[in-house]
Each structure stands twice: as structure tokens, then as C-alpha cells.
Amino acid sequence: MRFIVTLVIGLSLVCSHAVAQDIRIWQKGLPFELTLSQAGEVAMSDDGVTLTAPKGTDLYNPAGEPAVSSAPRLTFTPPAGDFIFAFKAKSQLKAAYDGPGLVVWNGEGYWAKMLFERLPDNSNAVSSNFSTPVGDNSYHFRTEGSVDEIWMKMVRVKTSVFFYASRDGKSWEIVRDFSVDPAKPLSIGMFGQSPLGEHLTTVFSEVRFEQKTITSYWNGE
């Protein structure tokens, strides 16, 4: 079954403190409820979902340091079974470690993210982090600093999750392969962070959700 996301036009929400707020978006044949976690500003239009991450927000869980999970997340609970979830993220990355991304939440402290982030040398990169609950940090490929959009995709097959990234939305590169705990609740979605910047605004568009099992591990289709 395939569901193309159709967003309710003109809906906006500002969440000024760290609470969860349900926001309903409508999909053909299936409504998903997005939950906004942590402070952030959300606007929905025919172009997609715009999420603004405030100054100082991050999603990071390094060894020997306090965990930070202040980055605003827009997530939903996927139905049971195998699926594909993909979107395009477009941001003007300015400060180091600014970035939008895809997040998989498997319980407090147990999460994974794929991030399109600004590096200190003013280039951009696709990275990922898997927190169990201490996070690692992996860098996959770089782009020029002028590149302002990336396509991201996650695939679930049984208890395995695969992350893919694309520069054009057509040619996909696998960047991560891990497993989630089926006994714990799972939510997935989009997020943004701006740990050193003033804020980060991202437009998430071309959202796609399909309940299917992939036939190619390498491109996730």
C-alpha cells in the first residue's frame, strides 16, 4: 500500500516550551498524527512542512558528557510491517553543526539520526548517530557548502533499519544498517538542530511513505 502525504494548508504552530503537541496531517487513506517534541515552530503548506529549530538545540549523546535532546522532532508511529519513509530536506546551513535530519526514536536515550549538517570548514556532510544509549558518530559523504538540500530515506525490514541518502532524489546510497528493539515503541520522522547557530529553518517536502518490502538493499527500493 502506498500513501502520499497531503498536508493541511495554512496550519501553523509555535511551541515555546518543551512539551509534546499533536498535529494531524492527512494522507490518502490513512491519517497520521505528527507529534512535535521539544520547542520549535511548525508551519504546514502545500510546499511541505517547515520546522524551525531554536538557538542551542541539539540531539547528541556522547560518552562521558550529558545527553542533549532539545532538537525539535516531528514524529509519528508507523504501522506494523516493512515500509519505506523518505523526504527532501532543504535548509540554509550557516553555523557549524546546523542541520536537518531523519530521526528514529526507540525510547528515551535509544535513537538514531541521519543528519545533513554544516561542518566547521563551511562544507556540508551527511552523518549519522546511533545512541544505545551512548551515541557514536559517523560521517558518510561531503558536499559543497552551497548545497542546500538533500534527500533522506529510511527502510524497515523486520527489526532492521537502513538509512539512505541522495543528492538528487533518484540515486540512493546506503549509509547505515542497524536494528531496533521490537519490544519498545517506535516513532520516526523529521527533526532540526542548531547547537551553535541562532536558529535553523528547514522545509521538508516530497514526503513518501510506502508499506512494502524492498527488493534492493543497496538503493532501498
Protein backbone atom coordinates (compact mmCIF):
# COMPACT_ATOMS: atom_id res chain seq x y z
CA MET A 1 0.00 0.00 0.00
CA ARG A 2 1.27 3.48 -0.83
CA PHE A 3 0.28 6.69 0.91
CA ILE A 4 1.27 10.09 -0.43
CA VAL A 5 1.30 12.78 2.23
CA THR A 6 -1.13 15.64 1.64
CA LEU A 7 -0.59 18.46 4.12
CA VAL A 8 -3.30 20.66 5.54
CA ILE A 9 -2.69 24.12 4.07
CA GLY A 10 -2.28 27.10 6.32
CA LEU A 11 -1.83 25.35 9.66
CA SER A 12 0.91 26.74 11.87
CA LEU A 13 2.02 26.08 15.40
CA VAL A 14 4.54 27.66 17.72
CA CYS A 15 5.64 25.55 20.68
CA SER A 16 7.67 27.73 23.05
CA HIS A 17 8.47 25.16 25.70
CA ALA A 18 9.48 21.52 25.85
CA VAL A 19 6.15 19.73 25.54
CA ALA A 20 4.65 17.27 23.09
CA GLN A 21 1.97 18.64 20.78
CA ASP A 22 -0.10 16.52 18.40
CA ILE A 23 -0.52 17.87 14.87
CA ARG A 24 -2.70 15.98 12.43
CA ILE A 25 -1.70 15.64 8.81
CA TRP A 26 -3.89 13.81 6.33
CA GLN A 27 -2.75 11.11 3.97
CA LYS A 28 -4.71 9.35 1.28
CA GLY A 29 -6.50 6.51 3.06
CA LEU A 30 -4.60 6.88 6.33
CA PRO A 31 -4.27 9.78 8.79
CA PHE A 32 -1.01 10.07 10.69
CA GLU A 33 -0.68 12.23 13.76
CA LEU A 34 2.64 14.02 13.93
CA THR A 35 3.89 14.80 17.41
CA LEU A 36 6.09 17.84 17.95
CA SER A 37 8.58 17.10 20.71
CA GLN A 38 10.64 19.90 22.25
CA ALA A 39 10.45 23.59 21.46
CA GLY A 40 10.07 24.54 17.82
CA GLU A 41 7.97 26.36 15.26
CA VAL A 42 5.99 24.44 12.65
CA ALA A 43 4.10 25.64 9.58
CA MET A 44 2.31 23.46 7.05
CA SER A 45 1.57 24.43 3.46
CA ASP A 46 1.25 22.94 0.01
CA ASP A 47 5.07 23.05 -0.20
CA GLY A 48 5.56 20.76 2.78
CA VAL A 49 6.29 21.07 6.48
CA THR A 50 8.51 23.93 7.68
CA LEU A 51 10.24 23.32 11.00
CA THR A 52 12.34 25.94 12.79
CA ALA A 53 14.80 24.72 15.42
CA PRO A 54 15.64 27.40 18.00
CA LYS A 55 19.10 28.51 19.05
CA GLY A 56 21.07 25.98 21.07
CA THR A 57 19.07 22.89 20.09
CA ASP A 58 20.80 19.55 19.59
CA LEU A 59 20.33 15.78 19.61
CA TYR A 60 23.54 14.27 20.90
CA ASN A 61 24.56 11.62 23.42
CA PRO A 62 28.37 11.46 23.67
CA ALA A 63 30.33 9.23 26.03
CA GLY A 64 31.29 10.93 29.28
CA GLU A 65 29.12 14.00 28.70
CA PRO A 66 25.49 14.84 29.45
CA ALA A 67 22.99 13.81 26.80
CA VAL A 68 21.18 16.58 24.90
CA SER A 69 17.80 16.03 23.25
CA SER A 70 16.46 19.57 22.79
CA ALA A 71 16.18 19.40 18.98
CA PRO A 72 12.54 19.67 17.85
CA ARG A 73 11.21 16.44 16.34
CA LEU A 74 8.12 15.85 14.22
CA THR A 75 7.41 12.15 14.54
CA PHE A 76 4.69 9.56 14.05
CA THR A 77 4.19 5.90 14.92
CA PRO A 78 4.46 3.78 11.77
CA PRO A 79 2.15 0.81 11.20
CA ALA A 80 3.42 -2.71 11.73
CA GLY A 81 5.44 -4.36 9.00
CA ASP A 82 8.04 -3.35 6.45
CA PHE A 83 8.00 0.14 4.98
CA ILE A 84 9.84 2.96 3.20
CA PHE A 85 9.83 6.53 4.53
CA ALA A 86 11.55 9.29 2.54
CA PHE A 87 11.61 13.07 2.10
CA LYS A 88 13.63 16.03 0.84
CA ALA A 89 15.13 18.45 3.37
CA LYS A 90 16.05 21.99 2.29
CA SER A 91 17.90 24.38 4.65
CA GLN A 92 20.28 27.30 4.52
CA LEU A 93 23.05 25.91 6.71
CA LYS A 94 25.11 28.67 8.30
CA ALA A 95 26.57 27.80 11.71
CA ALA A 96 28.66 24.72 12.44
CA TYR A 97 26.53 21.63 13.11
CA ASP A 98 23.31 23.26 11.91
CA GLY A 99 21.31 20.58 10.18
CA PRO A 100 18.01 18.88 9.38
CA GLY A 101 17.59 15.17 9.55
CA LEU A 102 15.67 11.95 9.85
CA VAL A 103 15.14 10.50 13.32
CA VAL A 104 14.19 7.07 14.64
CA TRP A 105 13.06 7.12 18.28
CA ASN A 106 13.08 3.78 20.12
CA GLY A 107 12.72 5.02 23.70
CA GLU A 108 14.43 7.69 25.79
CA GLY A 109 18.15 7.53 25.11
CA TYR A 110 17.70 4.96 22.33
CA TRP A 111 17.51 6.67 18.98
CA ALA A 112 19.21 7.07 15.62
CA LYS A 113 19.54 10.08 13.38
CA MET A 114 20.77 10.84 9.89
CA LEU A 115 21.85 14.45 9.60
CA PHE A 116 22.73 16.88 6.81
CA GLU A 117 24.99 19.25 8.69
CA ARG A 118 27.32 22.19 8.33
CA LEU A 119 30.95 21.48 9.20
CA PRO A 120 33.40 23.97 10.73
CA ASP A 121 35.23 24.30 7.38
CA ASN A 122 31.96 25.51 5.75
CA SER A 123 31.40 22.33 3.79
CA ASN A 124 28.31 20.19 4.40
CA ALA A 125 28.13 16.48 5.17
CA VAL A 126 25.75 13.59 5.67
CA SER A 127 26.40 11.98 9.04
CA SER A 128 24.63 9.55 11.35
CA ASN A 129 24.50 8.77 15.03
CA PHE A 130 23.14 5.69 16.79
CA SER A 131 22.51 6.06 20.54
CA THR A 132 22.18 2.86 22.61
CA PRO A 133 22.20 4.94 24.86
CA VAL A 134 25.75 6.27 24.26
CA GLY A 135 25.97 7.58 20.71
CA ASP A 136 28.58 7.08 18.06
CA ASN A 137 29.28 9.49 15.21
CA SER A 138 29.82 8.52 11.56
CA TYR A 139 30.45 10.73 8.53
CA HIS A 140 29.44 9.35 5.14
CA PHE A 141 29.98 11.92 2.38
CA ARG A 142 30.54 15.64 1.95
CA THR A 143 29.02 18.25 -0.32
CA GLU A 144 29.98 21.81 -1.14
CA GLY A 145 28.76 24.43 1.28
CA SER A 146 26.48 25.89 -1.38
CA VAL A 147 24.37 22.70 -1.47
CA ASP A 148 21.19 23.39 0.48
CA GLU A 149 19.11 20.24 0.03
CA ILE A 150 19.38 16.50 0.49
CA TRP A 151 17.03 13.54 0.16
CA MET A 152 16.81 11.11 3.07
CA LYS A 153 15.21 7.69 3.37
CA MET A 154 14.77 5.02 6.00
CA VAL A 155 13.64 1.46 5.38
CA ARG A 156 12.42 -1.08 7.91
CA VAL A 157 12.65 -4.80 7.18
CA LYS A 158 11.51 -6.85 10.19
CA THR A 159 13.65 -5.40 13.01
CA SER A 160 16.37 -3.97 10.75
CA VAL A 161 16.52 -0.30 9.78
CA PHE A 162 18.52 1.06 6.85
CA PHE A 163 19.41 4.72 6.21
CA TYR A 164 19.90 6.07 2.68
CA ALA A 165 20.89 9.50 1.35
CA SER A 166 20.69 11.02 -2.13
CA ARG A 167 21.91 14.20 -3.77
CA ASP A 168 19.13 14.20 -6.38
CA GLY A 169 16.31 12.02 -5.02
CA LYS A 170 17.00 9.37 -7.66
CA SER A 171 20.35 7.73 -6.92
CA TRP A 172 20.45 6.45 -3.35
CA GLU A 173 23.47 5.49 -1.25
CA ILE A 174 23.13 3.30 1.84
CA VAL A 175 24.84 4.90 4.83
CA ARG A 176 23.69 2.92 7.86
CA ASP A 177 22.35 -0.51 8.85
CA PHE A 178 21.19 -1.23 12.41
CA SER A 179 18.43 -2.92 14.41
CA VAL A 180 15.69 -1.61 16.70
CA ASP A 181 14.13 -3.27 19.73
CA PRO A 182 10.68 -4.57 18.68
CA ALA A 183 9.57 -4.63 22.33
CA LYS A 184 9.89 -0.84 22.60
CA PRO A 185 7.63 1.77 20.98
CA LEU A 186 8.98 3.13 17.71
CA SER A 187 8.41 6.57 16.22
CA ILE A 188 10.01 8.10 13.14
CA GLY A 189 10.09 11.47 11.45
CA MET A 190 11.98 14.69 10.82
CA PHE A 191 13.99 16.98 13.07
CA GLY A 192 16.23 20.04 13.03
CA GLN A 193 19.11 21.27 15.18
CA SER A 194 21.11 24.46 15.65
CA PRO A 195 23.50 23.90 18.57
CA LEU A 196 25.78 26.87 17.80
CA GLY A 197 23.64 28.98 15.48
CA GLU A 198 20.76 31.41 16.01
CA HIS A 199 18.16 29.02 14.56
CA LEU A 200 17.61 26.69 11.62
CA THR A 201 14.57 26.63 9.34
CA THR A 202 14.00 23.57 7.15
CA VAL A 203 11.36 22.75 4.57
CA PHE A 204 10.59 19.03 4.44
CA SER A 205 8.86 18.11 1.19
CA GLU A 206 8.34 15.23 -1.25
CA VAL A 207 7.35 13.10 1.73
CA ARG A 208 6.72 9.47 0.82
CA PHE A 209 5.52 6.52 2.87
CA GLU A 210 5.03 3.04 1.43
CA GLN A 211 4.14 -0.19 3.18
CA LYS A 212 6.26 -2.61 1.20
CA THR A 213 9.35 -4.79 1.42
CA ILE A 214 12.30 -3.58 -0.59
CA THR A 215 13.89 -5.80 -3.24
CA SER A 216 17.25 -3.98 -3.33
CA TYR A 217 19.32 -3.49 -0.20
CA TRP A 218 21.67 -1.09 -1.97
CA ASN A 219 19.16 1.54 -3.07
CA GLY A 220 16.31 0.82 -0.66
CA GLU A 221 13.59 0.23 -3.23
